Amino acid sequence: MAQDMLISGRAQRVVVVAGDNASGETLLPWLGSGFRALGAASTAAAVEDAALPFDKRRAGMVMGAGGIGMVLETEVSTMERQKLALHPFEVKARLLATQYSNSAYHGAALDRKHIGSELKRFLQEVELIHGITKAEIATHGVYFSHETCTHASSASSCAGNEVAALRTAFGDDLLSKLLILNTKGFTGHPMGVSFEDVTAVEVLMQQTVPPIPNYAEKDDYLGELNISKGGPYACRYALRFAAGFGSQVAFALYATAQYE
């Protein structure tokens, strides 16, 4: 929505702030019991046995909390400020494209067909407007997953639906090249905070990626995936996927500040 405001000329700069305390003592009894009723929350006693993105042992999410802030600005506004700034500053990254939609499929479950079709539409728009192909994103980018660690079921796994959508959009060959990242294994699953977006910017700045935490056992149902082991990684793009209750689906593509 912030990018829409910038593109439409309604603003030159937008400050985006998000925060929640889903795992706090006030909300946890309500949200925790709700996710338990859905069969989506982990009951493991140790975090290393619960936070298992893409791992065959995954059996439920871990609730999380926190806050983030981002400043989005048009290129023209940024260049004008750089001319007048008393203290030099640099652009950290570029937000190239966003897309959000709703399939009205289900209150809680993900619709892999809708996610796949929307991702294909997003990638086609990116290529049309920016000339960046999905092959370039796969070979020179990273993917920030929505994966919540819900149970490893072929019927309703978050990871299963997400990976199926990725295969629909990228195909097996390109997907095997796309480096898969995940933040919820570190932060837990907040309800209204997008840790992935600020981490995407940091990855592009530092050219270093975090590992998929606690990953030890491959899930054959998900197939071959390029799971991050962490460390230095040269990348130009960061593709981010988010999903929300009520069949909300969103994508964002970031690029390094040097992108032209």
C-alpha atoms as a PDB file:
ATOM      1  CA  MET A   1       0.000   0.000   0.000  1.00  0.00           C
ATOM      2  CA  ALA A   2       2.907   2.343   0.757  1.00  0.00           C
ATOM      3  CA  GLN A   3       4.362   1.719  -2.686  1.00  0.00           C
ATOM      4  CA  ASP A   4       0.961   2.393  -4.250  1.00  0.00           C
ATOM      5  CA  MET A   5       0.908   5.789  -2.505  1.00  0.00           C
ATOM      6  CA  LEU A   6       4.369   6.628  -3.855  1.00  0.00           C
ATOM      7  CA  ILE A   7       3.617   5.512  -7.408  1.00  0.00           C
ATOM      8  CA  SER A   8       0.299   7.381  -7.506  1.00  0.00           C
ATOM      9  CA  GLY A   9       1.924  10.595  -6.303  1.00  0.00           C
ATOM     10  CA  ARG A  10      -0.029  10.767  -3.050  1.00  0.00           C
ATOM     11  CA  ALA A  11       3.233  10.875  -1.091  1.00  0.00           C
ATOM     12  CA  GLN A  12       6.966  11.266  -1.658  1.00  0.00           C
ATOM     13  CA  ARG A  13       7.941   9.450   1.514  1.00  0.00           C
ATOM     14  CA  VAL A  14       6.094   6.880   3.639  1.00  0.00           C
ATOM     15  CA  VAL A  15       7.143   5.700   7.085  1.00  0.00           C
ATOM     16  CA  VAL A  16       5.919   2.142   7.712  1.00  0.00           C
ATOM     17  CA  VAL A  17       5.810   0.959  11.321  1.00  0.00           C
ATOM     18  CA  ALA A  18       4.423  -2.359  12.543  1.00  0.00           C
ATOM     19  CA  GLY A  19       4.375  -4.009  15.940  1.00  0.00           C
ATOM     20  CA  ASP A  20       2.525  -6.614  17.946  1.00  0.00           C
ATOM     21  CA  ASN A  21       2.904  -8.769  21.032  1.00  0.00           C
ATOM     22  CA  ALA A  22       1.154 -11.971  19.998  1.00  0.00           C
ATOM     23  CA  SER A  23       3.216 -14.030  22.445  1.00  0.00           C
ATOM     24  CA  GLY A  24       2.655 -11.666  25.375  1.00  0.00           C
ATOM     25  CA  GLU A  25       0.635 -12.565  28.443  1.00  0.00           C
ATOM     26  CA  THR A  26      -2.460 -10.690  27.220  1.00  0.00           C
ATOM     27  CA  LEU A  27      -2.826 -12.113  23.722  1.00  0.00           C
ATOM     28  CA  LEU A  28      -1.159 -15.518  24.042  1.00  0.00           C
ATOM     29  CA  PRO A  29      -4.065 -17.223  25.877  1.00  0.00           C
ATOM     30  CA  TRP A  30      -6.440 -16.161  23.107  1.00  0.00           C
ATOM     31  CA  LEU A  31      -4.248 -16.585  20.057  1.00  0.00           C
ATOM     32  CA  GLY A  32      -2.448 -19.624  21.428  1.00  0.00           C
ATOM     33  CA  SER A  33      -5.659 -21.493  22.166  1.00  0.00           C
ATOM     34  CA  GLY A  34      -7.001 -20.570  18.739  1.00  0.00           C
ATOM     35  CA  PHE A  35      -3.962 -21.968  16.950  1.00  0.00           C
ATOM     36  CA  ARG A  36      -4.052 -25.069  19.123  1.00  0.00           C
ATOM     37  CA  ALA A  37      -7.699 -25.578  18.133  1.00  0.00           C
ATOM     38  CA  LEU A  38      -6.599 -25.369  14.499  1.00  0.00           C
ATOM     39  CA  GLY A  39      -3.812 -27.856  15.165  1.00  0.00           C
ATOM     40  CA  ALA A  40      -1.303 -25.244  14.031  1.00  0.00           C
ATOM     41  CA  ALA A  41       0.679 -24.506  17.216  1.00  0.00           C
ATOM     42  CA  SER A  42       3.636 -26.504  18.460  1.00  0.00           C
ATOM     43  CA  THR A  43       3.541 -28.183  21.874  1.00  0.00           C
ATOM     44  CA  ALA A  44       7.286 -28.935  21.963  1.00  0.00           C
ATOM     45  CA  ALA A  45       9.002 -27.926  25.188  1.00  0.00           C
ATOM     46  CA  ALA A  46      12.277 -26.795  23.574  1.00  0.00           C
ATOM     47  CA  VAL A  47      12.463 -24.160  20.856  1.00  0.00           C
ATOM     48  CA  GLU A  48      14.929 -26.230  18.807  1.00  0.00           C
ATOM     49  CA  ASP A  49      12.271 -28.960  18.641  1.00  0.00           C
ATOM     50  CA  ALA A  50       9.542 -26.518  17.617  1.00  0.00           C
ATOM     51  CA  ALA A  51      11.122 -23.983  15.252  1.00  0.00           C
ATOM     52  CA  LEU A  52      11.691 -26.327  12.291  1.00  0.00           C
ATOM     53  CA  PRO A  53      11.097 -24.548   8.954  1.00  0.00           C
ATOM     54  CA  PHE A  54      10.823 -27.002   6.037  1.00  0.00           C
ATOM     55  CA  ASP A  55      12.053 -29.842   8.272  1.00  0.00           C
ATOM     56  CA  LYS A  56      10.175 -33.145   8.180  1.00  0.00           C
ATOM     57  CA  ARG A  57       9.820 -32.986  11.989  1.00  0.00           C
ATOM     58  CA  ARG A  58       7.863 -29.719  11.982  1.00  0.00           C
ATOM     59  CA  ALA A  59       4.590 -29.967  13.917  1.00  0.00           C
ATOM     60  CA  GLY A  60       3.363 -26.458  14.624  1.00  0.00           C
ATOM     61  CA  MET A  61       4.255 -22.793  14.769  1.00  0.00           C
ATOM     62  CA  VAL A  62       5.879 -20.808  17.557  1.00  0.00           C
ATOM     63  CA  MET A  63       4.185 -17.514  18.400  1.00  0.00           C
ATOM     64  CA  GLY A  64       6.330 -14.395  18.118  1.00  0.00           C
ATOM     65  CA  ALA A  65       6.338 -10.672  18.804  1.00  0.00           C
ATOM     66  CA  GLY A  66       8.311  -7.569  17.926  1.00  0.00           C
ATOM     67  CA  GLY A  67       8.353  -4.433  15.831  1.00  0.00           C
ATOM     68  CA  ILE A  68       9.841  -3.101  12.594  1.00  0.00           C
ATOM     69  CA  GLY A  69      10.146   0.195  10.790  1.00  0.00           C
ATOM     70  CA  MET A  70      10.918   1.118   7.180  1.00  0.00           C
ATOM     71  CA  VAL A  71      11.119   4.385   5.269  1.00  0.00           C
ATOM     72  CA  LEU A  72      10.045   4.195   1.633  1.00  0.00           C
ATOM     73  CA  GLU A  73      10.785   7.144  -0.645  1.00  0.00           C
ATOM     74  CA  THR A  74      10.596   8.011  -4.309  1.00  0.00           C
ATOM     75  CA  GLU A  75      13.876   8.228  -6.205  1.00  0.00           C
ATOM     76  CA  VAL A  76      13.296  11.888  -7.041  1.00  0.00           C
ATOM     77  CA  SER A  77      12.715  12.776  -3.397  1.00  0.00           C
ATOM     78  CA  THR A  78      15.812  10.845  -2.354  1.00  0.00           C
ATOM     79  CA  MET A  79      18.028  12.629  -4.884  1.00  0.00           C
ATOM     80  CA  GLU A  80      16.730  16.029  -3.767  1.00  0.00           C
ATOM     81  CA  ARG A  81      17.446  15.222  -0.131  1.00  0.00           C
ATOM     82  CA  GLN A  82      20.953  14.007  -0.961  1.00  0.00           C
ATOM     83  CA  LYS A  83      21.741  17.391  -2.517  1.00  0.00           C
ATOM     84  CA  LEU A  84      20.634  19.272   0.605  1.00  0.00           C
ATOM     85  CA  ALA A  85      21.653  16.809   3.322  1.00  0.00           C
ATOM     86  CA  LEU A  86      24.161  18.064   5.903  1.00  0.00           C
ATOM     87  CA  HIS A  87      25.162  14.477   6.583  1.00  0.00           C
ATOM     88  CA  PRO A  88      25.608  12.154   3.580  1.00  0.00           C
ATOM     89  CA  PHE A  89      23.368   9.086   3.429  1.00  0.00           C
ATOM     90  CA  GLU A  90      22.966   6.153   1.102  1.00  0.00           C
ATOM     91  CA  VAL A  91      19.946   4.276  -0.204  1.00  0.00           C
ATOM     92  CA  LYS A  92      19.847   0.879   1.503  1.00  0.00           C
ATOM     93  CA  ALA A  93      17.831  -1.001  -1.134  1.00  0.00           C
ATOM     94  CA  ARG A  94      15.144  -0.559  -3.780  1.00  0.00           C
ATOM     95  CA  LEU A  95      11.581  -1.813  -3.604  1.00  0.00           C
ATOM     96  CA  LEU A  96      10.835  -2.717  -7.208  1.00  0.00           C
ATOM     97  CA  ALA A  97       7.368  -4.230  -7.076  1.00  0.00           C
ATOM     98  CA  THR A  98       4.549  -5.302  -4.775  1.00  0.00           C
ATOM     99  CA  GLN A  99       1.284  -7.161  -5.265  1.00  0.00           C
ATOM    100  CA  TYR A 100      -1.484  -8.136  -2.872  1.00  0.00           C
ATOM    101  CA  SER A 101      -4.692 -10.041  -3.505  1.00  0.00           C
ATOM    102  CA  ASN A 102      -7.373 -12.192  -1.911  1.00  0.00           C
ATOM    103  CA  SER A 103      -8.937 -15.420  -3.179  1.00  0.00           C
ATOM    104  CA  ALA A 104     -11.695 -15.678  -0.518  1.00  0.00           C
ATOM    105  CA  TYR A 105     -10.713 -19.364  -0.433  1.00  0.00           C
ATOM    106  CA  HIS A 106     -10.637 -20.143   3.292  1.00  0.00           C
ATOM    107  CA  GLY A 107     -10.492 -18.454   6.678  1.00  0.00           C
ATOM    108  CA  ALA A 108      -7.230 -20.111   7.673  1.00  0.00           C
ATOM    109  CA  ALA A 109      -5.903 -22.481   4.983  1.00  0.00           C
ATOM    110  CA  LEU A 110      -3.695 -21.528   2.034  1.00  0.00           C
ATOM    111  CA  ASP A 111      -4.847 -22.122  -1.545  1.00  0.00           C
ATOM    112  CA  ARG A 112      -1.768 -23.353  -3.411  1.00  0.00           C
ATOM    113  CA  LYS A 113      -3.381 -22.853  -6.824  1.00  0.00           C
ATOM    114  CA  HIS A 114      -4.202 -19.231  -6.065  1.00  0.00           C
ATOM    115  CA  ILE A 115      -0.740 -18.573  -4.624  1.00  0.00           C
ATOM    116  CA  GLY A 116       0.872 -20.144  -7.686  1.00  0.00           C
ATOM    117  CA  SER A 117      -1.230 -18.192 -10.165  1.00  0.00           C
ATOM    118  CA  GLU A 118      -0.666 -14.913  -8.294  1.00  0.00           C
ATOM    119  CA  LEU A 119       3.086 -15.495  -8.142  1.00  0.00           C
ATOM    120  CA  LYS A 120       3.149 -16.167 -11.889  1.00  0.00           C
ATOM    121  CA  ARG A 121       1.223 -12.931 -12.456  1.00  0.00           C
ATOM    122  CA  PHE A 122       3.640 -11.034 -10.221  1.00  0.00           C
ATOM    123  CA  LEU A 123       6.725 -12.391 -11.992  1.00  0.00           C
ATOM    124  CA  GLN A 124       5.231 -11.579 -15.391  1.00  0.00           C
ATOM    125  CA  GLU A 125       4.589  -7.979 -14.289  1.00  0.00           C
ATOM    126  CA  VAL A 126       8.145  -7.682 -12.959  1.00  0.00           C
ATOM    127  CA  GLU A 127       9.562  -8.849 -16.292  1.00  0.00           C
ATOM    128  CA  LEU A 128       7.245  -6.564 -18.260  1.00  0.00           C
ATOM    129  CA  ILE A 129       8.001  -3.430 -16.223  1.00  0.00           C
ATOM    130  CA  HIS A 130      11.593  -3.987 -15.086  1.00  0.00           C
ATOM    131  CA  GLY A 131      12.918  -6.511 -17.602  1.00  0.00           C
ATOM    132  CA  ILE A 132      13.895  -8.932 -14.831  1.00  0.00           C
ATOM    133  CA  THR A 133      13.145 -12.548 -15.677  1.00  0.00           C
ATOM    134  CA  LYS A 134      12.265 -15.256 -13.193  1.00  0.00           C
ATOM    135  CA  ALA A 135      15.515 -16.961 -14.200  1.00  0.00           C
ATOM    136  CA  GLU A 136      17.460 -13.893 -13.029  1.00  0.00           C
ATOM    137  CA  ILE A 137      15.597 -13.862  -9.727  1.00  0.00           C
ATOM    138  CA  ALA A 138      16.222 -17.575  -9.195  1.00  0.00           C
ATOM    139  CA  THR A 139      19.937 -17.416  -9.991  1.00  0.00           C
ATOM    140  CA  HIS A 140      20.784 -14.008  -8.509  1.00  0.00           C
ATOM    141  CA  GLY A 141      18.205 -13.724  -5.747  1.00  0.00           C
ATOM    142  CA  VAL A 142      16.955 -15.117  -2.463  1.00  0.00           C
ATOM    143  CA  TYR A 143      13.446 -16.077  -1.407  1.00  0.00           C
ATOM    144  CA  PHE A 144      11.981 -15.090   1.963  1.00  0.00           C
ATOM    145  CA  SER A 145       9.373 -17.723   2.718  1.00  0.00           C
ATOM    146  CA  HIS A 146       6.177 -17.436   4.712  1.00  0.00           C
ATOM    147  CA  GLU A 147       6.753 -20.956   6.111  1.00  0.00           C
ATOM    148  CA  THR A 148       5.261 -21.142   9.617  1.00  0.00           C
ATOM    149  CA  CYS A 149       6.426 -24.662  10.633  1.00  0.00           C
ATOM    150  CA  THR A 150       2.896 -26.084  10.716  1.00  0.00           C
ATOM    151  CA  HIS A 151       2.616 -29.873  10.632  1.00  0.00           C
ATOM    152  CA  ALA A 152       4.246 -31.807   7.782  1.00  0.00           C
ATOM    153  CA  SER A 153       1.048 -32.980   6.155  1.00  0.00           C
ATOM    154  CA  SER A 154       0.657 -33.458   2.418  1.00  0.00           C
ATOM    155  CA  ALA A 155      -2.938 -32.271   2.773  1.00  0.00           C
ATOM    156  CA  SER A 156      -2.558 -28.904   4.502  1.00  0.00           C
ATOM    157  CA  SER A 157       1.072 -28.074   5.209  1.00  0.00           C
ATOM    158  CA  CYS A 158       1.978 -24.386   4.869  1.00  0.00           C
ATOM    159  CA  ALA A 159       5.359 -25.392   3.476  1.00  0.00           C
ATOM    160  CA  GLY A 160       3.744 -27.873   1.081  1.00  0.00           C
ATOM    161  CA  ASN A 161       1.367 -25.262  -0.320  1.00  0.00           C
ATOM    162  CA  GLU A 162       4.109 -22.652  -0.593  1.00  0.00           C
ATOM    163  CA  VAL A 163       6.587 -24.968  -2.332  1.00  0.00           C
ATOM    164  CA  ALA A 164       3.890 -26.200  -4.731  1.00  0.00           C
ATOM    165  CA  ALA A 165       3.184 -22.584  -5.689  1.00  0.00           C
ATOM    166  CA  LEU A 166       6.907 -21.949  -6.212  1.00  0.00           C
ATOM    167  CA  ARG A 167       7.140 -24.975  -8.519  1.00  0.00           C
ATOM    168  CA  THR A 168       4.148 -23.718 -10.481  1.00  0.00           C
ATOM    169  CA  ALA A 169       5.760 -20.323 -11.021  1.00  0.00           C
ATOM    170  CA  PHE A 170       9.455 -21.198 -11.362  1.00  0.00           C
ATOM    171  CA  GLY A 171       9.532 -24.850 -12.401  1.00  0.00           C
ATOM    172  CA  ASP A 172      11.750 -27.494 -10.839  1.00  0.00           C
ATOM    173  CA  ASP A 173      15.004 -26.392 -12.456  1.00  0.00           C
ATOM    174  CA  LEU A 174      14.842 -22.733 -11.470  1.00  0.00           C
ATOM    175  CA  LEU A 175      13.484 -23.536  -8.014  1.00  0.00           C
ATOM    176  CA  SER A 176      16.535 -25.708  -7.340  1.00  0.00           C
ATOM    177  CA  LYS A 177      18.674 -22.573  -7.829  1.00  0.00           C
ATOM    178  CA  LEU A 178      16.606 -20.181  -5.704  1.00  0.00           C
ATOM    179  CA  LEU A 179      18.018 -19.883  -2.175  1.00  0.00           C
ATOM    180  CA  ILE A 180      15.266 -20.392   0.419  1.00  0.00           C
ATOM    181  CA  LEU A 181      15.329 -18.284   3.600  1.00  0.00           C
ATOM    182  CA  ASN A 182      13.049 -18.096   6.629  1.00  0.00           C
ATOM    183  CA  THR A 183      12.868 -15.732   9.609  1.00  0.00           C
ATOM    184  CA  LYS A 184      10.083 -17.324  11.672  1.00  0.00           C
ATOM    185  CA  GLY A 185      12.453 -20.034  12.842  1.00  0.00           C
ATOM    186  CA  PHE A 186      14.299 -17.241  14.682  1.00  0.00           C
ATOM    187  CA  THR A 187      11.548 -14.770  15.562  1.00  0.00           C
ATOM    188  CA  GLY A 188       8.486 -16.970  15.878  1.00  0.00           C
ATOM    189  CA  HIS A 189       5.284 -16.076  14.029  1.00  0.00           C
ATOM    190  CA  PRO A 190       4.013 -12.572  14.831  1.00  0.00           C
ATOM    191  CA  MET A 191       0.589 -11.552  13.656  1.00  0.00           C
ATOM    192  CA  GLY A 192       1.261  -8.121  12.219  1.00  0.00           C
ATOM    193  CA  VAL A 193       5.022  -7.632  11.910  1.00  0.00           C
ATOM    194  CA  SER A 194       6.942  -8.357   8.736  1.00  0.00           C
ATOM    195  CA  PHE A 195      10.431  -9.236   9.925  1.00  0.00           C
ATOM    196  CA  GLU A 196      11.076 -10.644   6.451  1.00  0.00           C
ATOM    197  CA  ASP A 197      11.023  -7.241   4.750  1.00  0.00           C
ATOM    198  CA  VAL A 198      13.631  -5.592   6.959  1.00  0.00           C
ATOM    199  CA  THR A 199      15.738  -8.765   6.847  1.00  0.00           C
ATOM    200  CA  ALA A 200      15.526  -8.730   3.048  1.00  0.00           C
ATOM    201  CA  VAL A 201      16.970  -5.211   2.996  1.00  0.00           C
ATOM    202  CA  GLU A 202      19.725  -6.233   5.410  1.00  0.00           C
ATOM    203  CA  VAL A 203      20.623  -9.295   3.332  1.00  0.00           C
ATOM    204  CA  LEU A 204      20.943  -7.149   0.199  1.00  0.00           C
ATOM    205  CA  MET A 205      23.102  -4.640   2.060  1.00  0.00           C
ATOM    206  CA  GLN A 206      25.362  -7.140   3.793  1.00  0.00           C
ATOM    207  CA  GLN A 207      25.408  -9.812   1.056  1.00  0.00           C
ATOM    208  CA  THR A 208      25.101 -12.353   3.854  1.00  0.00           C
ATOM    209  CA  VAL A 209      22.202 -14.733   4.522  1.00  0.00           C
ATOM    210  CA  PRO A 210      20.946 -16.389   7.711  1.00  0.00           C
ATOM    211  CA  PRO A 211      20.645 -20.188   7.817  1.00  0.00           C
ATOM    212  CA  ILE A 212      17.371 -22.067   8.064  1.00  0.00           C
ATOM    213  CA  PRO A 213      17.442 -22.760  11.825  1.00  0.00           C
ATOM    214  CA  ASN A 214      17.385 -26.293  13.234  1.00  0.00           C
ATOM    215  CA  TYR A 215      17.125 -27.869   9.772  1.00  0.00           C
ATOM    216  CA  ALA A 216      18.223 -31.515   9.972  1.00  0.00           C
ATOM    217  CA  GLU A 217      15.737 -33.849   8.296  1.00  0.00           C
ATOM    218  CA  LYS A 218      14.650 -33.486   4.665  1.00  0.00           C
ATOM    219  CA  ASP A 219      10.933 -33.715   3.891  1.00  0.00           C
ATOM    220  CA  ASP A 220      10.726 -35.789   0.698  1.00  0.00           C
ATOM    221  CA  TYR A 221       7.217 -34.467   0.055  1.00  0.00           C
ATOM    222  CA  LEU A 222       8.661 -30.980  -0.494  1.00  0.00           C
ATOM    223  CA  GLY A 223      11.224 -32.279  -2.986  1.00  0.00           C
ATOM    224  CA  GLU A 224      14.648 -30.784  -3.667  1.00  0.00           C
ATOM    225  CA  LEU A 225      15.039 -27.320  -2.172  1.00  0.00           C
ATOM    226  CA  ASN A 226      18.027 -24.987  -1.956  1.00  0.00           C
ATOM    227  CA  ILE A 227      17.883 -24.527   1.825  1.00  0.00           C
ATOM    228  CA  SER A 228      20.084 -21.750   3.188  1.00  0.00           C
ATOM    229  CA  LYS A 229      23.003 -22.818   5.355  1.00  0.00           C
ATOM    230  CA  GLY A 230      23.922 -19.228   6.149  1.00  0.00           C
ATOM    231  CA  GLY A 231      27.017 -17.166   5.363  1.00  0.00           C
ATOM    232  CA  PRO A 232      28.177 -14.824   2.591  1.00  0.00           C
ATOM    233  CA  TYR A 233      25.960 -14.915  -0.489  1.00  0.00           C
ATOM    234  CA  ALA A 234      26.100 -12.604  -3.503  1.00  0.00           C
ATOM    235  CA  CYS A 235      22.569 -11.576  -4.483  1.00  0.00           C
ATOM    236  CA  ARG A 236      20.813  -8.778  -6.345  1.00  0.00           C
ATOM    237  CA  TYR A 237      17.184  -9.527  -5.492  1.00  0.00           C
ATOM    238  CA  ALA A 238      15.061 -10.597  -2.546  1.00  0.00           C
ATOM    239  CA  LEU A 239      11.606 -12.026  -3.263  1.00  0.00           C
ATOM    240  CA  ARG A 240       9.257 -12.004  -0.298  1.00  0.00           C
ATOM    241  CA  PHE A 241       5.963 -13.901   0.115  1.00  0.00           C
ATOM    242  CA  ALA A 242       3.408 -13.264   2.850  1.00  0.00           C
ATOM    243  CA  ALA A 243       0.049 -14.854   3.541  1.00  0.00           C
ATOM    244  CA  GLY A 244      -2.676 -13.940   6.015  1.00  0.00           C
ATOM    245  CA  PHE A 245      -5.958 -15.218   7.377  1.00  0.00           C
ATOM    246  CA  GLY A 246      -8.869 -14.881   5.003  1.00  0.00           C
ATOM    247  CA  SER A 247      -6.753 -15.872   1.974  1.00  0.00           C
ATOM    248  CA  GLN A 248      -4.602 -12.746   1.869  1.00  0.00           C
ATOM    249  CA  VAL A 249      -1.602 -13.154  -0.466  1.00  0.00           C
ATOM    250  CA  ALA A 250       1.203 -10.614  -0.939  1.00  0.00           C
ATOM    251  CA  PHE A 251       4.511 -10.481  -2.813  1.00  0.00           C
ATOM    252  CA  ALA A 252       7.345  -7.958  -2.812  1.00  0.00           C
ATOM    253  CA  LEU A 253      10.589  -7.783  -4.768  1.00  0.00           C
ATOM    254  CA  TYR A 254      13.572  -5.845  -3.421  1.00  0.00           C
ATOM    255  CA  ALA A 255      16.837  -5.127  -5.218  1.00  0.00           C
ATOM    256  CA  THR A 256      20.241  -3.868  -4.182  1.00  0.00           C
ATOM    257  CA  ALA A 257      20.647  -0.098  -4.051  1.00  0.00           C
ATOM    258  CA  GLN A 258      22.944  -0.308  -7.085  1.00  0.00           C
ATOM    259  CA  TYR A 259      20.170  -1.790  -9.252  1.00  0.00           C
ATOM    260  CA  GLU A 260      19.458   0.229 -12.403  1.00  0.00           C
END
